[in-house]
Amino acid sequence: MGADDGAGRHPKPQEAMSNNSTHILAFGGGGFLMEPENPLLDDYVLALAHSLRPKICFVPTASGDSENACLRFYDAFARKNCIPNHLPLFRRRVADLRAFVLEQDVIYVGGGNTAL
């Protein structure tokens, strides 16, 4: 998964939540879009947030702001202890992108065809 504590081990969710550092976690594949029956990667992402109920924002741009991808995101994260939201960029509804993004604890950028 890429993020480790410098000693080569991945933080446990409770360790990640007590850590005051910022994380950038990049992964190719997995998560709610590819493995909806396996929540481990999504749970790990939420555990890295610095909040007991993190605000998580899905950015579906690479899939052309796919409605299906957004529905799958809400289906996966509505059951978790978080506040899900999404940021469409093809049909933008947010005027101040910077302020909106800075309000989030997690930005989850979906995959797809980046040539769209």
Protein backbone atom coordinates (compact mmCIF):
# COMPACT_ATOMS: atom_id res chain seq x y z
CA MET A 1 0.00 0.00 0.00
CA GLY A 2 2.95 2.31 0.03
CA ALA A 3 2.60 4.25 3.31
CA ASP A 4 4.84 3.02 6.09
CA ASP A 5 6.26 4.32 9.36
CA GLY A 6 9.88 4.46 8.19
CA ALA A 7 10.62 1.06 9.72
CA GLY A 8 8.98 -0.74 6.81
CA ARG A 9 5.66 -1.50 8.47
CA HIS A 10 2.24 -0.10 7.67
CA PRO A 11 0.46 1.78 10.45
CA LYS A 12 -2.52 0.15 12.08
CA PRO A 13 -5.70 2.24 11.86
CA GLN A 14 -5.43 3.37 15.50
CA GLU A 15 -1.79 4.37 14.97
CA ALA A 16 -2.62 6.25 11.79
CA MET A 17 -5.35 8.25 13.52
CA SER A 18 -3.01 9.40 16.30
CA ASN A 19 -0.32 10.49 13.85
CA ASN A 20 -0.32 14.21 13.00
CA SER A 21 1.36 13.88 9.61
CA THR A 22 -0.15 14.30 6.16
CA HIS A 23 -0.36 11.26 3.90
CA ILE A 24 -0.45 10.86 0.15
CA LEU A 25 -1.40 7.30 -0.64
CA ALA A 26 -1.30 6.22 -4.27
CA PHE A 27 -2.53 2.83 -5.36
CA GLY A 28 -3.48 1.29 -8.67
CA GLY A 29 -6.53 -0.89 -8.45
CA GLY A 30 -8.56 -2.19 -5.57
CA GLY A 31 -10.93 -0.24 -3.41
CA PHE A 32 -14.67 0.13 -3.79
CA LEU A 33 -14.63 0.39 -7.60
CA MET A 34 -12.72 -2.84 -8.21
CA GLU A 35 -13.31 -4.91 -5.08
CA PRO A 36 -16.58 -3.81 -3.46
CA GLU A 37 -16.69 -7.00 -1.37
CA ASN A 38 -13.26 -6.23 0.15
CA PRO A 39 -13.33 -3.05 2.27
CA LEU A 40 -9.76 -3.31 3.62
CA LEU A 41 -8.16 -0.71 1.34
CA ASP A 42 -10.98 1.80 1.83
CA ASP A 43 -10.90 1.26 5.60
CA TYR A 44 -7.14 1.86 5.57
CA VAL A 45 -7.59 5.11 3.63
CA LEU A 46 -10.13 6.34 6.18
CA ALA A 47 -7.86 5.33 9.07
CA LEU A 48 -5.15 7.65 7.74
CA ALA A 49 -7.45 10.66 8.20
CA HIS A 50 -7.02 12.84 11.28
CA SER A 51 -10.68 12.67 12.23
CA LEU A 52 -12.96 10.23 14.02
CA ARG A 53 -15.57 10.86 11.30
CA PRO A 54 -13.55 12.00 8.28
CA LYS A 55 -14.96 13.94 5.36
CA ILE A 56 -14.12 11.89 2.26
CA CYS A 57 -14.50 13.33 -1.22
CA PHE A 58 -14.53 11.19 -4.36
CA VAL A 59 -13.22 12.82 -7.55
CA PRO A 60 -14.57 10.80 -10.51
CA THR A 61 -12.97 12.86 -13.29
CA ALA A 62 -10.99 10.01 -14.89
CA SER A 63 -14.26 8.14 -15.46
CA GLY A 64 -15.92 11.22 -16.96
CA ASP A 65 -17.76 11.96 -13.69
CA SER A 66 -19.48 8.59 -14.05
CA GLU A 67 -22.78 8.49 -12.20
CA ASN A 68 -22.29 4.75 -11.66
CA ALA A 69 -18.90 5.31 -10.03
CA CYS A 70 -20.41 7.96 -7.75
CA LEU A 71 -23.26 5.64 -6.75
CA ARG A 72 -20.78 2.88 -5.96
CA PHE A 73 -18.74 5.33 -3.87
CA TYR A 74 -21.79 6.35 -1.82
CA ASP A 75 -22.87 2.73 -1.49
CA ALA A 76 -19.44 1.79 -0.10
CA PHE A 77 -18.87 4.78 2.20
CA ALA A 78 -22.38 5.59 3.46
CA ARG A 79 -22.10 2.57 5.78
CA LYS A 80 -18.79 3.72 7.25
CA ASN A 81 -18.13 6.25 10.00
CA CYS A 82 -17.39 9.09 7.59
CA ILE A 83 -19.07 11.91 5.67
CA PRO A 84 -18.98 11.07 1.95
CA ASN A 85 -19.17 13.68 -0.80
CA HIS A 86 -18.07 13.89 -4.41
CA LEU A 87 -16.58 16.54 -6.65
CA PRO A 88 -17.62 16.37 -10.30
CA LEU A 89 -15.43 18.50 -12.53
CA PHE A 90 -17.21 18.00 -15.87
CA ARG A 91 -20.47 19.29 -14.35
CA ARG A 92 -18.93 21.42 -11.65
CA ARG A 93 -21.18 22.58 -8.83
CA VAL A 94 -18.51 24.01 -6.51
CA ALA A 95 -17.44 27.60 -7.08
CA ASP A 96 -14.43 27.70 -4.75
CA LEU A 97 -12.50 24.48 -5.45
CA ARG A 98 -9.64 25.34 -3.12
CA ALA A 99 -11.88 25.95 -0.12
CA PHE A 100 -13.95 22.84 -0.84
CA VAL A 101 -10.89 20.58 -1.13
CA LEU A 102 -9.26 22.01 2.01
CA GLU A 103 -12.44 21.20 3.99
CA GLN A 104 -12.00 17.48 3.22
CA ASP A 105 -10.00 14.99 5.26
CA VAL A 106 -9.60 12.53 2.37
CA ILE A 107 -9.57 13.12 -1.38
CA TYR A 108 -10.19 9.82 -3.18
CA VAL A 109 -9.37 10.18 -6.89
CA GLY A 110 -10.94 7.44 -8.98
CA GLY A 111 -9.36 5.75 -11.94
CA GLY A 112 -10.51 5.37 -15.49
CA ASN A 113 -9.71 6.86 -18.87
CA THR A 114 -7.71 10.01 -18.20
CA ALA A 115 -8.01 10.96 -21.90
CA LEU A 116 -11.70 11.85 -21.50
